[in-house]
Amino acid sequence: MCRSASLDHVTKLLREQLDHATTVNESLSGEVAKLTAERDDLEAREADFNREEQVQLVIGRGGSKGGYGARSHSSGPPNGPQMKFLVSVNEHL
């Protein structure tokens, strides 16, 4: 085999490897984009959950040992400072 044919063969092999690496890279880039979007969605959902949990803790402040959201007095809607807090939280959502 002459030198030119040998170099042509090596060039062909390198092009095949480059094509394969490009395909794999594109696939991995797509996976990274998908995982990044999922992470962002989970972070947003976690922030929403934490805000809701804070609201429930504020509503539940009545000294009751009934857990989150439990009230020790009336079961009506929140009033006074609790309502102001809820309005403030809802404005930021």
C-alpha atoms as a PDB file:
ATOM      1  CA  MET A   1       0.000   0.000   0.000  1.00  0.00           C
ATOM      2  CA  CYS A   2       1.434   3.333  -0.972  1.00  0.00           C
ATOM      3  CA  ARG A   3       1.682   6.261   1.396  1.00  0.00           C
ATOM      4  CA  SER A   4      -1.183   8.161  -0.275  1.00  0.00           C
ATOM      5  CA  ALA A   5      -3.587   5.238   0.097  1.00  0.00           C
ATOM      6  CA  SER A   6      -2.562   4.805   3.716  1.00  0.00           C
ATOM      7  CA  LEU A   7      -3.222   8.475   4.447  1.00  0.00           C
ATOM      8  CA  ASP A   8      -6.592   8.254   2.668  1.00  0.00           C
ATOM      9  CA  HIS A   9      -7.504   5.290   4.862  1.00  0.00           C
ATOM     10  CA  VAL A  10      -6.491   7.109   8.064  1.00  0.00           C
ATOM     11  CA  THR A  11      -8.425  10.205   6.955  1.00  0.00           C
ATOM     12  CA  LYS A  12     -11.522   8.083   6.348  1.00  0.00           C
ATOM     13  CA  LEU A  13     -11.230   6.464   9.797  1.00  0.00           C
ATOM     14  CA  LEU A  14     -10.761   9.836  11.467  1.00  0.00           C
ATOM     15  CA  ARG A  15     -13.798  11.287   9.663  1.00  0.00           C
ATOM     16  CA  GLU A  16     -15.905   8.321  10.824  1.00  0.00           C
ATOM     17  CA  GLN A  17     -14.728   8.832  14.401  1.00  0.00           C
ATOM     18  CA  LEU A  18     -15.445  12.552  14.171  1.00  0.00           C
ATOM     19  CA  ASP A  19     -18.947  11.888  12.790  1.00  0.00           C
ATOM     20  CA  HIS A  20     -19.620   9.432  15.612  1.00  0.00           C
ATOM     21  CA  ALA A  21     -18.286  11.864  18.247  1.00  0.00           C
ATOM     22  CA  THR A  22     -20.470  14.638  16.789  1.00  0.00           C
ATOM     23  CA  THR A  23     -23.563  12.425  16.972  1.00  0.00           C
ATOM     24  CA  VAL A  24     -22.825  11.444  20.566  1.00  0.00           C
ATOM     25  CA  ASN A  25     -22.124  15.070  21.485  1.00  0.00           C
ATOM     26  CA  GLU A  26     -25.456  16.208  20.009  1.00  0.00           C
ATOM     27  CA  SER A  27     -27.270  13.470  21.912  1.00  0.00           C
ATOM     28  CA  LEU A  28     -25.565  14.385  25.185  1.00  0.00           C
ATOM     29  CA  SER A  29     -26.290  18.086  24.618  1.00  0.00           C
ATOM     30  CA  GLY A  30     -29.971  17.228  24.220  1.00  0.00           C
ATOM     31  CA  GLU A  31     -29.906  15.216  27.445  1.00  0.00           C
ATOM     32  CA  VAL A  32     -28.219  18.089  29.289  1.00  0.00           C
ATOM     33  CA  ALA A  33     -30.881  20.516  28.018  1.00  0.00           C
ATOM     34  CA  LYS A  34     -33.652  18.134  29.082  1.00  0.00           C
ATOM     35  CA  LEU A  35     -32.170  17.595  32.545  1.00  0.00           C
ATOM     36  CA  THR A  36     -31.579  21.326  32.995  1.00  0.00           C
ATOM     37  CA  ALA A  37     -35.223  22.049  32.151  1.00  0.00           C
ATOM     38  CA  GLU A  38     -36.373  19.338  34.578  1.00  0.00           C
ATOM     39  CA  ARG A  39     -34.113  20.738  37.301  1.00  0.00           C
ATOM     40  CA  ASP A  40     -35.468  24.253  36.739  1.00  0.00           C
ATOM     41  CA  ASP A  41     -39.024  22.927  36.904  1.00  0.00           C
ATOM     42  CA  LEU A  42     -38.296  21.062  40.133  1.00  0.00           C
ATOM     43  CA  GLU A  43     -36.678  24.134  41.676  1.00  0.00           C
ATOM     44  CA  ALA A  44     -39.744  26.227  40.785  1.00  0.00           C
ATOM     45  CA  ARG A  45     -42.063  23.582  42.211  1.00  0.00           C
ATOM     46  CA  GLU A  46     -39.954  23.391  45.368  1.00  0.00           C
ATOM     47  CA  ALA A  47     -40.124  27.184  45.788  1.00  0.00           C
ATOM     48  CA  ASP A  48     -43.909  27.060  45.334  1.00  0.00           C
ATOM     49  CA  PHE A  49     -44.151  24.255  47.868  1.00  0.00           C
ATOM     50  CA  ASN A  50     -42.009  26.154  50.375  1.00  0.00           C
ATOM     51  CA  ARG A  51     -44.152  29.294  49.964  1.00  0.00           C
ATOM     52  CA  GLU A  52     -47.310  27.256  50.464  1.00  0.00           C
ATOM     53  CA  GLU A  53     -45.792  25.566  53.507  1.00  0.00           C
ATOM     54  CA  GLN A  54     -44.956  28.980  54.998  1.00  0.00           C
ATOM     55  CA  VAL A  55     -48.534  30.115  54.419  1.00  0.00           C
ATOM     56  CA  GLN A  56     -49.839  26.966  56.102  1.00  0.00           C
ATOM     57  CA  LEU A  57     -47.519  27.519  59.066  1.00  0.00           C
ATOM     58  CA  VAL A  58     -48.755  31.093  59.472  1.00  0.00           C
ATOM     59  CA  ILE A  59     -52.386  30.002  59.239  1.00  0.00           C
ATOM     60  CA  GLY A  60     -51.720  27.226  61.730  1.00  0.00           C
ATOM     61  CA  ARG A  61     -50.240  29.513  64.400  1.00  0.00           C
ATOM     62  CA  GLY A  62     -52.859  29.195  67.057  1.00  0.00           C
ATOM     63  CA  GLY A  63     -51.089  27.064  69.562  1.00  0.00           C
ATOM     64  CA  SER A  64     -52.858  23.907  68.420  1.00  0.00           C
ATOM     65  CA  LYS A  65     -50.882  20.697  68.299  1.00  0.00           C
ATOM     66  CA  GLY A  66     -52.950  19.437  65.395  1.00  0.00           C
ATOM     67  CA  GLY A  67     -50.178  19.838  62.834  1.00  0.00           C
ATOM     68  CA  TYR A  68     -49.849  22.106  59.818  1.00  0.00           C
ATOM     69  CA  GLY A  69     -52.800  24.295  59.139  1.00  0.00           C
ATOM     70  CA  ALA A  70     -54.592  23.373  62.379  1.00  0.00           C
ATOM     71  CA  ARG A  71     -56.342  26.195  64.177  1.00  0.00           C
ATOM     72  CA  SER A  72     -57.110  26.432  67.848  1.00  0.00           C
ATOM     73  CA  HIS A  73     -60.025  28.803  67.349  1.00  0.00           C
ATOM     74  CA  SER A  74     -62.616  29.480  64.654  1.00  0.00           C
ATOM     75  CA  SER A  75     -62.515  27.609  61.386  1.00  0.00           C
ATOM     76  CA  GLY A  76     -63.396  30.752  59.427  1.00  0.00           C
ATOM     77  CA  PRO A  77     -61.065  32.559  57.048  1.00  0.00           C
ATOM     78  CA  PRO A  78     -57.911  34.210  58.397  1.00  0.00           C
ATOM     79  CA  ASN A  79     -58.146  37.836  59.470  1.00  0.00           C
ATOM     80  CA  GLY A  80     -55.898  40.649  60.685  1.00  0.00           C
ATOM     81  CA  PRO A  81     -52.152  39.947  60.341  1.00  0.00           C
ATOM     82  CA  GLN A  82     -52.764  36.526  58.801  1.00  0.00           C
ATOM     83  CA  MET A  83     -54.859  37.974  55.981  1.00  0.00           C
ATOM     84  CA  LYS A  84     -52.257  40.700  55.316  1.00  0.00           C
ATOM     85  CA  PHE A  85     -49.570  38.046  55.067  1.00  0.00           C
ATOM     86  CA  LEU A  86     -51.652  35.920  52.698  1.00  0.00           C
ATOM     87  CA  VAL A  87     -52.391  38.904  50.472  1.00  0.00           C
ATOM     88  CA  SER A  88     -48.700  39.781  50.449  1.00  0.00           C
ATOM     89  CA  VAL A  89     -47.719  36.207  49.537  1.00  0.00           C
ATOM     90  CA  ASN A  90     -50.333  36.012  46.768  1.00  0.00           C
ATOM     91  CA  GLU A  91     -49.095  39.257  45.231  1.00  0.00           C
ATOM     92  CA  HIS A  92     -45.649  37.681  44.800  1.00  0.00           C
ATOM     93  CA  LEU A  93     -46.862  34.437  43.230  1.00  0.00           C
END
